[in-house]
Amino acid sequence: MVTETPVRKPKPMLSGMRSLPEHVLVKVFVLLPLVALAAAVPFAWGWGLSWLDVGLGAFFFVVSGLGVTAGYHRHFTHGSFKARRPLRVALAIAGNLSAQGPATTWVADHRRHHAYSDRAGDPHSPWLFGTGPKALAKGFWHAHMGWLFEREVTNAERFAPDLLADRDIRRVDGLFPVWVAATFLLPAIAGGLITWSVWGGVTAFFWAGLVRVALLHHVTWSVNSICHMIGERPFASRDKAANFWPLAIFSFGESWHNLHHADPTCARHGVRRGQIDITARLIWIFEKLGWASQVRWPTPQRLNRLALQPDL
């Protein structure tokens, strides 16, 4: 008698809905830095901004931004390189400092994005509502930040089981509220101590805390929205991911988005001459120091296979 092997159905795409308190907190984390960014220009008109604020803001922007690009994205989501345990934990903490959610949540959403890129099921595609002007305007809003206000939760058991099984990452993610508090308070403490004044702490909190987080949020969201709408597409991918060079430096190389979707596990996104990719350079440094291994660098043969051939 032949027994049939039962077919294992994939776990559902969603694991439920955010609770009302969680939903409110997400809105606070998204909107509060945005309000600070809107207030930045009149606040800075002739006062309230010092070179110390700029320096602290730049430092925390780089640390938290690279935590997202090198950590959350290229390491945890796509496995572009293997990291030794101390580096892996440090990257998870740095990513949490971006206030973009715990590593496991971020990775689950992004893996779901790649699984359904620019199709139904993609959590933040700008092409889900059509191609007319109104549909694209709605799609841009949805891809940029509107999707964050929806209450559905991507199922981490389906899209990020490896991180759920990682004790170190569970511990780091469990302290997400602490890291968010730290990302705002550490600049304020540094500014207050360096200037030895309360006002120095206040301006550092505003610029290196709130405004810096808002800027980083919008850079990340712009990769989701702009880089799926306009730009160059020299490599073959099954979606509309494109390269948008004006974002290259601020996104640490993430806006070379076309190659990334053509070859998601590649550790370098800016692969052509003049395409600055700061994240890839950081990974190269990690490799040289012996902190990273099995880095998936691009090869000429693979790039040639992926490159779109010009029409003759």
Protein backbone atom coordinates (compact mmCIF):
# COMPACT_ATOMS: atom_id res chain seq x y z
CA MET A 1 0.00 0.00 0.00
CA VAL A 2 1.39 3.38 -1.03
CA THR A 3 0.95 6.22 1.41
CA GLU A 4 0.91 9.72 0.07
CA THR A 5 3.18 12.28 1.62
CA PRO A 6 1.01 15.08 2.95
CA VAL A 7 1.51 18.41 1.18
CA ARG A 8 2.62 21.08 3.61
CA LYS A 9 0.80 24.31 2.99
CA PRO A 10 2.79 27.52 3.45
CA LYS A 11 2.05 29.52 6.53
CA PRO A 12 -0.34 32.42 5.94
CA MET A 13 1.11 35.69 4.67
CA LEU A 14 -0.35 37.68 7.57
CA SER A 15 -0.31 36.80 11.24
CA GLY A 16 -3.12 39.11 12.30
CA MET A 17 -3.71 42.76 13.01
CA ARG A 18 -1.90 45.23 15.24
CA SER A 19 -3.61 45.99 18.50
CA LEU A 20 -4.94 49.53 18.93
CA PRO A 21 -2.08 50.56 21.31
CA GLU A 22 0.52 49.17 18.88
CA HIS A 23 -1.18 50.95 15.98
CA VAL A 24 -1.13 54.24 17.88
CA LEU A 25 2.57 53.82 18.74
CA VAL A 26 3.45 53.21 15.08
CA LYS A 27 1.67 56.42 14.15
CA VAL A 28 3.53 58.30 16.87
CA PHE A 29 6.92 56.98 15.70
CA VAL A 30 6.08 57.95 12.11
CA LEU A 31 4.39 61.31 12.66
CA LEU A 32 6.35 62.84 15.56
CA PRO A 33 9.68 63.00 13.67
CA LEU A 34 7.74 64.21 10.61
CA VAL A 35 6.28 67.10 12.60
CA ALA A 36 9.77 67.90 13.86
CA LEU A 37 11.05 67.95 10.28
CA ALA A 38 8.24 70.31 9.24
CA ALA A 39 9.16 72.61 12.16
CA ALA A 40 12.88 72.49 11.39
CA VAL A 41 13.07 75.40 8.93
CA PRO A 42 11.29 78.07 11.01
CA PHE A 43 12.98 76.77 14.15
CA ALA A 44 16.41 77.14 12.57
CA TRP A 45 15.77 80.59 11.07
CA GLY A 46 18.68 82.41 12.62
CA TRP A 47 18.93 80.37 15.79
CA GLY A 48 18.67 76.93 17.34
CA LEU A 49 21.11 75.03 15.12
CA SER A 50 24.82 74.63 15.86
CA TRP A 51 27.68 72.73 14.24
CA LEU A 52 27.52 70.40 17.23
CA ASP A 53 23.91 69.54 16.36
CA VAL A 54 24.94 68.91 12.75
CA GLY A 55 27.83 66.70 13.85
CA LEU A 56 25.75 64.69 16.29
CA GLY A 57 22.96 64.35 13.73
CA ALA A 58 25.38 63.14 11.07
CA PHE A 59 26.96 60.62 13.44
CA PHE A 60 23.67 59.07 14.53
CA PHE A 61 22.34 59.20 10.95
CA VAL A 62 25.31 57.15 9.75
CA VAL A 63 25.16 54.64 12.63
CA SER A 64 21.41 54.03 12.47
CA GLY A 65 21.28 54.28 8.66
CA LEU A 66 24.01 51.71 8.13
CA GLY A 67 22.30 49.57 10.76
CA VAL A 68 19.36 49.44 8.35
CA THR A 69 21.29 49.05 5.08
CA ALA A 70 24.15 46.77 6.11
CA GLY A 71 22.31 45.12 8.99
CA TYR A 72 18.56 44.84 8.49
CA HIS A 73 18.74 44.74 4.69
CA ARG A 74 21.87 43.14 3.27
CA HIS A 75 22.77 40.89 6.21
CA PHE A 76 19.56 39.84 7.94
CA THR A 77 17.11 39.97 5.03
CA HIS A 78 19.23 38.72 2.14
CA GLY A 79 22.24 37.00 3.71
CA SER A 80 24.69 38.94 1.53
CA PHE A 81 27.41 38.11 4.05
CA LYS A 82 27.97 36.12 7.22
CA ALA A 83 28.75 38.14 10.35
CA ARG A 84 30.51 37.07 13.50
CA ARG A 85 28.28 37.15 16.55
CA PRO A 86 29.42 40.52 18.02
CA LEU A 87 28.98 42.22 14.64
CA ARG A 88 25.60 40.58 14.12
CA VAL A 89 24.36 41.87 17.49
CA ALA A 90 25.84 45.32 16.86
CA LEU A 91 24.11 45.54 13.47
CA ALA A 92 20.79 44.55 15.03
CA ILE A 93 21.14 47.24 17.70
CA ALA A 94 22.16 49.88 15.14
CA GLY A 95 19.13 48.97 13.03
CA ASN A 96 16.82 49.27 16.04
CA LEU A 97 18.21 52.78 16.58
CA SER A 98 16.59 53.80 13.28
CA ALA A 99 13.14 53.54 14.94
CA GLN A 100 11.91 51.57 11.91
CA GLY A 101 10.81 48.59 13.97
CA PRO A 102 12.57 45.52 15.40
CA ALA A 103 14.84 43.57 13.06
CA THR A 104 12.45 40.61 12.77
CA THR A 105 9.47 42.79 11.81
CA TRP A 106 11.51 44.79 9.29
CA VAL A 107 12.98 41.67 7.70
CA ALA A 108 9.60 39.92 7.46
CA ASP A 109 8.08 42.92 5.68
CA HIS A 110 11.00 43.21 3.30
CA ARG A 111 11.14 39.53 2.41
CA ARG A 112 7.41 39.69 1.72
CA HIS A 113 8.10 42.70 -0.52
CA HIS A 114 10.58 40.68 -2.57
CA ALA A 115 8.30 37.65 -2.72
CA TYR A 116 5.47 39.73 -4.26
CA SER A 117 7.37 42.74 -5.62
CA ASP A 118 5.01 45.15 -7.40
CA ARG A 119 2.21 42.57 -7.30
CA ALA A 120 -0.69 41.86 -4.98
CA GLY A 121 0.80 40.93 -1.62
CA ASP A 122 3.63 43.48 -1.78
CA PRO A 123 3.18 45.61 1.36
CA HIS A 124 4.42 48.81 -0.27
CA SER A 125 4.30 48.80 -4.06
CA PRO A 126 3.30 52.09 -5.75
CA TRP A 127 1.68 50.15 -8.61
CA LEU A 128 -1.15 48.44 -6.73
CA PHE A 129 -3.87 50.92 -7.72
CA GLY A 130 -3.30 51.35 -11.45
CA THR A 131 -1.25 53.51 -13.80
CA GLY A 132 -3.35 56.66 -14.15
CA PRO A 133 -2.28 59.95 -12.54
CA LYS A 134 -4.64 59.61 -9.55
CA ALA A 135 -3.76 55.94 -9.11
CA LEU A 136 -0.04 56.69 -9.16
CA ALA A 137 -0.44 59.56 -6.69
CA LYS A 138 -2.29 57.19 -4.38
CA GLY A 139 0.33 54.52 -5.03
CA PHE A 140 3.19 56.88 -4.22
CA TRP A 141 1.60 57.82 -0.87
CA HIS A 142 0.96 54.15 -0.08
CA ALA A 143 4.49 53.05 -0.98
CA HIS A 144 6.18 55.96 0.77
CA MET A 145 4.45 55.85 4.16
CA GLY A 146 0.74 55.09 3.85
CA TRP A 147 1.33 51.35 4.21
CA LEU A 148 2.69 51.94 7.71
CA PHE A 149 -0.75 53.08 8.87
CA GLU A 150 -2.39 49.78 7.95
CA ARG A 151 -2.92 47.35 10.80
CA GLU A 152 -2.09 44.07 9.07
CA VAL A 153 1.03 42.27 10.35
CA THR A 154 3.34 40.26 8.11
CA ASN A 155 3.72 36.71 9.40
CA ALA A 156 7.27 36.45 10.74
CA GLU A 157 6.89 32.67 11.15
CA ARG A 158 6.64 32.45 7.37
CA PHE A 159 9.05 35.19 6.28
CA ALA A 160 11.61 35.40 9.12
CA PRO A 161 11.72 32.07 10.99
CA ASP A 162 15.53 32.24 11.16
CA LEU A 163 15.41 35.44 13.19
CA LEU A 164 12.66 34.12 15.45
CA ALA A 165 14.96 31.18 16.22
CA ASP A 166 17.96 33.44 16.93
CA ARG A 167 18.22 34.06 20.67
CA ASP A 168 20.47 37.10 20.26
CA ILE A 169 18.10 38.81 17.84
CA ARG A 170 15.08 38.02 20.01
CA ARG A 171 16.81 39.71 22.95
CA VAL A 172 17.78 42.78 20.93
CA ASP A 173 14.29 43.09 19.42
CA GLY A 174 12.70 42.64 22.83
CA LEU A 175 14.42 45.85 23.90
CA PHE A 176 13.13 47.85 20.92
CA PRO A 177 11.45 50.52 23.12
CA VAL A 178 14.78 50.99 24.93
CA TRP A 179 16.67 51.47 21.64
CA VAL A 180 14.08 53.97 20.43
CA ALA A 181 14.38 55.94 23.65
CA ALA A 182 18.16 55.80 23.33
CA THR A 183 18.14 57.07 19.74
CA PHE A 184 16.48 60.29 20.92
CA LEU A 185 18.07 60.66 24.36
CA LEU A 186 21.71 59.86 23.56
CA PRO A 187 22.12 62.89 21.25
CA ALA A 188 20.43 65.08 23.85
CA ILE A 189 22.71 63.82 26.62
CA ALA A 190 25.79 64.29 24.43
CA GLY A 191 24.73 67.79 23.42
CA GLY A 192 24.02 68.77 27.01
CA LEU A 193 27.32 67.42 28.32
CA ILE A 194 29.47 68.87 25.55
CA THR A 195 27.94 72.35 25.84
CA TRP A 196 27.32 71.94 29.56
CA SER A 197 23.89 73.49 29.12
CA VAL A 198 20.25 72.44 29.04
CA TRP A 199 19.75 74.33 25.77
CA GLY A 200 22.53 72.31 24.14
CA GLY A 201 20.64 69.16 25.09
CA VAL A 202 17.34 70.53 23.78
CA THR A 203 18.69 71.49 20.36
CA ALA A 204 20.58 68.19 20.04
CA PHE A 205 17.38 66.31 20.91
CA PHE A 206 15.52 68.21 18.22
CA TRP A 207 18.11 68.08 15.41
CA ALA A 208 20.16 64.95 16.08
CA GLY A 209 17.15 63.09 17.47
CA LEU A 210 13.79 63.99 15.93
CA VAL A 211 14.88 65.60 12.66
CA ARG A 212 17.59 62.99 12.02
CA VAL A 213 15.13 60.12 12.50
CA ALA A 214 12.62 61.82 10.20
CA LEU A 215 15.22 62.29 7.47
CA LEU A 216 16.35 58.67 7.74
CA HIS A 217 12.74 57.48 7.60
CA HIS A 218 12.09 59.43 4.40
CA VAL A 219 15.29 58.22 2.77
CA THR A 220 14.30 54.61 3.50
CA TRP A 221 10.72 55.18 2.36
CA SER A 222 11.94 56.89 -0.82
CA VAL A 223 13.66 53.66 -1.85
CA ASN A 224 10.27 51.94 -1.51
CA SER A 225 8.41 54.62 -3.48
CA ILE A 226 10.63 56.63 -5.85
CA CYS A 227 12.93 53.72 -6.70
CA HIS A 228 9.95 51.68 -7.89
CA MET A 229 8.58 54.49 -10.06
CA ILE A 230 11.34 56.39 -11.86
CA GLY A 231 14.97 55.85 -12.81
CA GLU A 232 17.16 53.65 -14.96
CA ARG A 233 16.69 49.88 -15.31
CA PRO A 234 19.88 48.46 -16.86
CA PHE A 235 19.39 44.98 -15.38
CA ALA A 236 16.58 42.48 -15.83
CA SER A 237 14.22 42.15 -12.88
CA ARG A 238 10.65 40.97 -12.68
CA ASP A 239 9.38 44.25 -11.25
CA LYS A 240 9.80 47.99 -11.71
CA ALA A 241 12.78 48.55 -9.39
CA ALA A 242 14.99 51.33 -10.75
CA ASN A 243 18.19 53.24 -10.01
CA PHE A 244 17.70 56.79 -8.71
CA TRP A 245 21.13 58.39 -8.38
CA PRO A 246 20.19 61.53 -6.33
CA LEU A 247 19.52 59.28 -3.32
CA ALA A 248 22.73 57.26 -3.58
CA ILE A 249 24.76 58.98 -0.85
CA PHE A 250 21.97 59.58 1.67
CA SER A 251 20.72 55.99 1.24
CA PHE A 252 24.27 54.60 1.53
CA GLY A 253 23.93 52.94 -1.88
CA GLU A 254 20.41 51.52 -1.51
CA SER A 255 18.99 53.61 -4.35
CA TRP A 256 20.89 51.51 -6.92
CA HIS A 257 17.71 49.49 -6.60
CA ASN A 258 17.48 47.88 -10.02
CA LEU A 259 20.53 45.65 -9.57
CA HIS A 260 19.35 44.77 -6.08
CA HIS A 261 16.06 43.38 -7.37
CA ALA A 262 17.82 41.66 -10.24
CA ASP A 263 20.27 40.01 -7.80
CA PRO A 264 18.88 40.39 -4.24
CA THR A 265 21.67 38.59 -2.37
CA CYS A 266 24.46 40.64 -3.94
CA ALA A 267 26.43 42.58 -1.31
CA ARG A 268 27.03 45.51 -3.69
CA HIS A 269 24.16 47.40 -5.28
CA GLY A 270 26.12 50.11 -7.09
CA VAL A 271 28.08 47.94 -9.49
CA ARG A 272 28.89 50.33 -12.31
CA ARG A 273 31.56 53.03 -12.55
CA GLY A 274 30.70 56.07 -10.45
CA GLN A 275 27.90 54.35 -8.51
CA ILE A 276 28.78 55.16 -4.90
CA ASP A 277 27.78 52.38 -2.50
CA ILE A 278 28.87 53.25 1.05
CA THR A 279 27.22 50.15 2.52
CA ALA A 280 29.22 47.87 0.23
CA ARG A 281 32.42 49.64 1.26
CA LEU A 282 31.54 49.08 4.94
CA ILE A 283 30.95 45.37 4.27
CA TRP A 284 34.34 45.27 2.50
CA ILE A 285 35.95 46.74 5.64
CA PHE A 286 34.17 44.14 7.80
CA GLU A 287 35.54 41.41 5.52
CA LYS A 288 39.10 42.78 5.68
CA LEU A 289 38.90 42.92 9.49
CA GLY A 290 37.74 39.31 9.62
CA TRP A 291 34.36 40.23 11.05
CA ALA A 292 32.43 39.19 7.93
CA SER A 293 32.84 36.22 5.62
CA GLN A 294 31.20 34.54 2.62
CA VAL A 295 30.47 37.94 1.13
CA ARG A 296 28.48 37.63 -2.08
CA TRP A 297 30.32 40.10 -4.29
CA PRO A 298 29.17 40.55 -7.90
CA THR A 299 31.12 38.92 -10.71
CA PRO A 300 31.44 40.21 -14.29
CA GLN A 301 29.92 36.98 -15.61
CA ARG A 302 26.80 37.31 -13.46
CA LEU A 303 26.37 41.01 -14.23
CA ASN A 304 26.62 40.29 -17.95
CA ARG A 305 23.89 37.65 -17.65
CA LEU A 306 21.63 40.10 -15.81
CA ALA A 307 22.28 43.11 -18.04
CA LEU A 308 19.54 44.02 -20.49
CA GLN A 309 20.80 43.87 -24.04
CA PRO A 310 20.33 47.08 -26.04
CA ASP A 311 17.93 46.97 -28.95
CA LEU A 312 19.73 46.52 -32.25
